[in-house]
C-alpha atoms as a PDB file:
ATOM      1  CA  MET A   1     -17.534  27.439   6.910  1.00  0.00           C
ATOM      2  CA  LYS A   2     -16.645  23.796   5.411  1.00  0.00           C
ATOM      3  CA  THR A   3     -18.302  22.386   2.340  1.00  0.00           C
ATOM      4  CA  GLU A   4     -20.008  19.158   1.843  1.00  0.00           C
ATOM      5  CA  ARG A   5     -17.114  17.937  -0.109  1.00  0.00           C
ATOM      6  CA  THR A   6     -14.588  19.147   2.629  1.00  0.00           C
ATOM      7  CA  ILE A   7     -16.734  17.343   5.298  1.00  0.00           C
ATOM      8  CA  ARG A   8     -16.745  14.115   3.015  1.00  0.00           C
ATOM      9  CA  LEU A   9     -12.905  14.190   2.361  1.00  0.00           C
ATOM     10  CA  GLU A  10     -12.231  14.445   6.185  1.00  0.00           C
ATOM     11  CA  GLU A  11     -14.684  11.723   6.939  1.00  0.00           C
ATOM     12  CA  LEU A  12     -12.786   9.456   4.084  1.00  0.00           C
ATOM     13  CA  LEU A  13      -9.280  10.442   5.729  1.00  0.00           C
ATOM     14  CA  LYS A  14     -10.413   9.318   9.277  1.00  0.00           C
ATOM     15  CA  ALA A  15     -11.670   6.077   8.011  1.00  0.00           C
ATOM     16  CA  LYS A  16      -8.293   5.506   6.753  1.00  0.00           C
ATOM     17  CA  PHE A  17      -6.672   5.760  10.182  1.00  0.00           C
ATOM     18  CA  ASN A  18      -6.146   2.645  12.444  1.00  0.00           C
ATOM     19  CA  THR A  19      -7.658   3.827  15.845  1.00  0.00           C
ATOM     20  CA  ARG A  20      -5.488   1.521  17.782  1.00  0.00           C
ATOM     21  CA  ASN A  21      -2.042   2.487  16.524  1.00  0.00           C
ATOM     22  CA  ASP A  22      -2.648   6.120  15.086  1.00  0.00           C
ATOM     23  CA  PHE A  23      -3.366   9.297  17.136  1.00  0.00           C
ATOM     24  CA  PHE A  24      -4.825  11.987  14.772  1.00  0.00           C
ATOM     25  CA  VAL A  25      -6.692  15.525  15.109  1.00  0.00           C
ATOM     26  CA  PHE A  26      -8.163  17.825  12.538  1.00  0.00           C
ATOM     27  CA  GLU A  27      -7.433  21.593  12.271  1.00  0.00           C
ATOM     28  CA  CYS A  28      -4.546  21.416  14.711  1.00  0.00           C
ATOM     29  CA  THR A  29      -2.881  24.757  15.576  1.00  0.00           C
ATOM     30  CA  ILE A  30       0.644  24.418  15.654  1.00  0.00           C
ATOM     31  CA  GLY A  31       2.426  26.242  18.385  1.00  0.00           C
ATOM     32  CA  TRP A  32       1.115  28.276  21.247  1.00  0.00           C
ATOM     33  CA  TYR A  33       0.251  31.212  19.293  1.00  0.00           C
ATOM     34  CA  GLY A  34      -1.107  29.729  16.293  1.00  0.00           C
ATOM     35  CA  GLY A  35       0.734  30.841  13.407  1.00  0.00           C
ATOM     36  CA  GLU A  36       0.074  27.764  11.257  1.00  0.00           C
ATOM     37  CA  ILE A  37      -2.933  25.151  11.040  1.00  0.00           C
ATOM     38  CA  VAL A  38      -2.767  21.787   9.890  1.00  0.00           C
ATOM     39  CA  ASP A  39      -5.651  20.253   8.358  1.00  0.00           C
ATOM     40  CA  CYS A  40      -5.171  16.957   9.780  1.00  0.00           C
ATOM     41  CA  ILE A  41      -2.037  15.554  11.693  1.00  0.00           C
ATOM     42  CA  LYS A  42      -1.372  12.135  12.728  1.00  0.00           C
ATOM     43  CA  TYR A  43       1.178  10.209  15.023  1.00  0.00           C
ATOM     44  CA  ASN A  44       1.474   6.749  14.903  1.00  0.00           C
ATOM     45  CA  CYS A  45       3.320   4.152  17.139  1.00  0.00           C
ATOM     46  CA  GLN A  46       6.590   4.075  14.885  1.00  0.00           C
ATOM     47  CA  ARG A  47       6.893   7.741  15.878  1.00  0.00           C
ATOM     48  CA  GLU A  48       6.205   8.997  12.701  1.00  0.00           C
ATOM     49  CA  ILE A  49       4.334  12.451  12.048  1.00  0.00           C
ATOM     50  CA  SER A  50       2.071  12.861   9.026  1.00  0.00           C
ATOM     51  CA  CYS A  51       0.352  16.134   7.886  1.00  0.00           C
ATOM     52  CA  TYR A  52      -2.600  16.239   5.271  1.00  0.00           C
ATOM     53  CA  GLU A  53      -4.057  19.192   3.639  1.00  0.00           C
ATOM     54  CA  ILE A  54      -7.385  18.903   2.315  1.00  0.00           C
ATOM     55  CA  LYS A  55      -8.239  20.713  -0.965  1.00  0.00           C
ATOM     56  CA  GLN A  56     -11.420  20.440  -2.587  1.00  0.00           C
ATOM     57  CA  SER A  57     -11.229  22.835  -5.342  1.00  0.00           C
ATOM     58  CA  LYS A  58      -8.553  24.126  -7.919  1.00  0.00           C
ATOM     59  CA  GLN A  59      -9.300  27.658  -5.932  1.00  0.00           C
ATOM     60  CA  ASP A  60      -8.732  26.124  -2.943  1.00  0.00           C
ATOM     61  CA  PHE A  61      -5.583  24.499  -4.047  1.00  0.00           C
ATOM     62  CA  TYR A  62      -3.955  27.680  -5.339  1.00  0.00           C
ATOM     63  CA  SER A  63      -5.124  29.754  -2.517  1.00  0.00           C
ATOM     64  CA  LYS A  64      -2.800  31.991  -0.464  1.00  0.00           C
ATOM     65  CA  ASN A  65      -3.584  29.550   2.659  1.00  0.00           C
ATOM     66  CA  LYS A  66      -0.136  28.397   3.844  1.00  0.00           C
ATOM     67  CA  LEU A  67       0.581  24.712   3.365  1.00  0.00           C
ATOM     68  CA  THR A  68       1.641  23.267   6.939  1.00  0.00           C
ATOM     69  CA  PHE A  69       3.784  20.399   5.561  1.00  0.00           C
ATOM     70  CA  ILE A  70       6.094  19.944   8.734  1.00  0.00           C
ATOM     71  CA  GLY A  71       5.851  16.095   9.080  1.00  0.00           C
ATOM     72  CA  ASN A  72       7.841  13.243   8.362  1.00  0.00           C
ATOM     73  CA  LYS A  73       5.365  12.505   5.427  1.00  0.00           C
ATOM     74  CA  ASN A  74       2.979  15.115   3.945  1.00  0.00           C
ATOM     75  CA  TYR A  75      -0.095  14.415   1.876  1.00  0.00           C
ATOM     76  CA  PHE A  76      -2.947  16.271  -0.169  1.00  0.00           C
ATOM     77  CA  VAL A  77      -6.265  15.011   0.417  1.00  0.00           C
ATOM     78  CA  MET A  78      -8.283  15.648  -2.749  1.00  0.00           C
ATOM     79  CA  PRO A  79     -10.951  14.726  -5.422  1.00  0.00           C
ATOM     80  CA  TYR A  80      -9.395  12.668  -8.394  1.00  0.00           C
ATOM     81  CA  SER A  81     -10.697  15.026 -10.816  1.00  0.00           C
ATOM     82  CA  LEU A  82      -8.888  18.009  -8.838  1.00  0.00           C
ATOM     83  CA  TYR A  83      -5.575  15.886  -8.897  1.00  0.00           C
ATOM     84  CA  GLU A  84      -5.595  15.610 -12.604  1.00  0.00           C
ATOM     85  CA  GLN A  85      -5.663  19.312 -12.898  1.00  0.00           C
ATOM     86  CA  VAL A  86      -2.874  20.192 -10.506  1.00  0.00           C
ATOM     87  CA  LYS A  87      -0.880  16.952 -10.280  1.00  0.00           C
ATOM     88  CA  ASN A  88       2.207  18.855 -12.033  1.00  0.00           C
ATOM     89  CA  ASP A  89       2.197  21.468  -9.318  1.00  0.00           C
ATOM     90  CA  ILE A  90       2.823  19.176  -6.446  1.00  0.00           C
ATOM     91  CA  ASP A  91       6.207  18.889  -5.026  1.00  0.00           C
ATOM     92  CA  TRP A  92       8.175  15.533  -5.721  1.00  0.00           C
ATOM     93  CA  ASP A  93       7.875  14.589  -1.914  1.00  0.00           C
ATOM     94  CA  ILE A  94       4.339  15.321  -1.137  1.00  0.00           C
ATOM     95  CA  GLY A  95       2.206  12.190  -1.484  1.00  0.00           C
ATOM     96  CA  VAL A  96      -1.644  12.528  -2.546  1.00  0.00           C
ATOM     97  CA  TYR A  97      -4.603  10.673  -1.531  1.00  0.00           C
ATOM     98  CA  VAL A  98      -7.572  10.825  -4.032  1.00  0.00           C
ATOM     99  CA  ALA A  99     -11.161  10.759  -3.356  1.00  0.00           C
ATOM    100  CA  ILE A 100     -12.698   8.031  -5.990  1.00  0.00           C
ATOM    101  CA  ASP A 101     -15.982   6.007  -6.600  1.00  0.00           C
ATOM    102  CA  ARG A 102     -14.102   3.113  -7.825  1.00  0.00           C
ATOM    103  CA  ARG A 103     -11.044   1.690  -9.769  1.00  0.00           C
ATOM    104  CA  GLU A 104     -11.675  -0.252 -12.716  1.00  0.00           C
ATOM    105  CA  GLN A 105      -9.560  -2.318 -14.967  1.00  0.00           C
ATOM    106  CA  VAL A 106      -8.728  -0.996 -18.483  1.00  0.00           C
ATOM    107  CA  GLU A 107      -7.322  -2.901 -21.311  1.00  0.00           C
ATOM    108  CA  GLU A 108      -5.870  -0.810 -24.212  1.00  0.00           C
ATOM    109  CA  LYS A 109      -4.554  -2.405 -27.443  1.00  0.00           C
ATOM    110  CA  GLU A 110      -1.356  -0.487 -28.931  1.00  0.00           C
ATOM    111  CA  THR A 111       1.009  -1.027 -31.888  1.00  0.00           C
ATOM    112  CA  ASN A 112       4.554   0.040 -31.670  1.00  0.00           C
ATOM    113  CA  GLU A 113       6.833   1.209 -34.370  1.00  0.00           C
ATOM    114  CA  PHE A 114       7.789  -2.379 -35.623  1.00  0.00           C
ATOM    115  CA  GLY A 115       4.209  -3.327 -36.140  1.00  0.00           C
ATOM    116  CA  VAL A 116       3.842  -5.448 -32.962  1.00  0.00           C
ATOM    117  CA  THR A 117       0.595  -5.183 -31.199  1.00  0.00           C
ATOM    118  CA  PHE A 118       0.403  -5.692 -27.474  1.00  0.00           C
ATOM    119  CA  THR A 119      -2.425  -5.116 -24.731  1.00  0.00           C
ATOM    120  CA  LYS A 120      -1.693  -2.500 -22.073  1.00  0.00           C
ATOM    121  CA  THR A 121      -3.688  -3.186 -18.980  1.00  0.00           C
ATOM    122  CA  TYR A 122      -3.895  -0.768 -15.976  1.00  0.00           C
ATOM    123  CA  MET A 123      -6.238   0.307 -13.095  1.00  0.00           C
ATOM    124  CA  LYS A 124      -8.298   3.713 -14.105  1.00  0.00           C
ATOM    125  CA  CYS A 125      -9.579   5.688 -11.159  1.00  0.00           C
ATOM    126  CA  ILE A 126     -13.303   6.890 -11.478  1.00  0.00           C
ATOM    127  CA  ASP A 127     -13.881  10.150  -9.736  1.00  0.00           C
ATOM    128  CA  GLY A 128     -16.279  10.142  -6.759  1.00  0.00           C
ATOM    129  CA  LEU A 129     -16.396  10.518  -3.179  1.00  0.00           C
ATOM    130  CA  ASN A 130     -16.688   7.111  -2.094  1.00  0.00           C
ATOM    131  CA  GLU A 131     -13.077   6.171  -0.655  1.00  0.00           C
ATOM    132  CA  LEU A 132      -9.495   7.530  -0.729  1.00  0.00           C
ATOM    133  CA  TYR A 133      -6.819   5.794  -2.923  1.00  0.00           C
ATOM    134  CA  CYS A 134      -3.204   6.624  -2.534  1.00  0.00           C
ATOM    135  CA  ILE A 135      -2.362   7.580  -5.848  1.00  0.00           C
ATOM    136  CA  LYS A 136       1.177   9.006  -4.989  1.00  0.00           C
ATOM    137  CA  PRO A 137       2.982   8.096  -1.754  1.00  0.00           C
ATOM    138  CA  ALA A 138       4.698  10.617   0.257  1.00  0.00           C
ATOM    139  CA  LYS A 139       8.625  10.634   0.521  1.00  0.00           C
ATOM    140  CA  SER A 140       9.845  10.453   4.309  1.00  0.00           C
ATOM    141  CA  ARG A 141      11.804  13.387   5.333  1.00  0.00           C
ATOM    142  CA  ASP A 142      12.976  15.199   8.811  1.00  0.00           C
ATOM    143  CA  LEU A 143      10.356  17.200  10.808  1.00  0.00           C
ATOM    144  CA  ARG A 144      10.337  20.744   9.910  1.00  0.00           C
ATOM    145  CA  ALA A 145       9.137  21.818  13.536  1.00  0.00           C
ATOM    146  CA  ASP A 146      10.266  20.696  16.845  1.00  0.00           C
ATOM    147  CA  LYS A 147       8.736  17.384  17.598  1.00  0.00           C
ATOM    148  CA  GLU A 148       7.609  18.458  21.315  1.00  0.00           C
ATOM    149  CA  VAL A 149       5.962  21.535  19.737  1.00  0.00           C
ATOM    150  CA  ILE A 150       4.105  19.308  17.585  1.00  0.00           C
ATOM    151  CA  LEU A 151       2.887  16.638  20.215  1.00  0.00           C
ATOM    152  CA  SER A 152       1.835  19.373  22.345  1.00  0.00           C
ATOM    153  CA  SER A 153       0.030  21.106  19.653  1.00  0.00           C
ATOM    154  CA  MET A 154      -1.867  17.793  19.047  1.00  0.00           C
ATOM    155  CA  LEU A 155      -2.740  17.504  22.687  1.00  0.00           C
ATOM    156  CA  ARG A 156      -3.970  20.855  22.925  1.00  0.00           C
ATOM    157  CA  SER A 157      -6.307  20.276  19.889  1.00  0.00           C
ATOM    158  CA  MET A 158      -7.404  17.032  21.006  1.00  0.00           C
ATOM    159  CA  GLN A 159      -8.540  18.289  24.338  1.00  0.00           C
ATOM    160  CA  ARG A 160     -10.624  20.896  22.432  1.00  0.00           C
ATOM    161  CA  ASP A 161     -12.523  18.089  20.677  1.00  0.00           C
ATOM    162  CA  ARG A 162     -12.852  15.997  23.673  1.00  0.00           C
ATOM    163  CA  VAL A 163     -16.382  15.000  24.430  1.00  0.00           C
ATOM    164  CA  ILE A 164     -17.457  15.290  28.173  1.00  0.00           C
END
């Protein structure tokens, strides 16, 4: 049973995809006997596979559920407040999309050890479920599964979701 928050994160992720160039499916079982399930997997016209694991709470993030990061690029999708709690436990090559309400510009005045005052300007994320923002890009890597197996798994899962 999916929570309202998980459903909203899926909707936000789906809105990020270009329906003309991106082929994606949610809850894709990898392989014929389904040892692993990817929350969302996408194949694009550049022949790149991206995997997305949706995490909606700290308990969900640290659960024993297997993370199926088999793509060329791999991402977590989570609320911004969760990212702030777990960011030090995310591998260097895994990207992160955070759900935010908005970003706003913040200015802070700081004085260095020489007495020089300067203004530091940055964008601050405000937690919410209004849009997805890529706070950490994924590093590209080799696939961790056979491409033919991944694509056939996607096709099978897409057939499951097909509306007649």
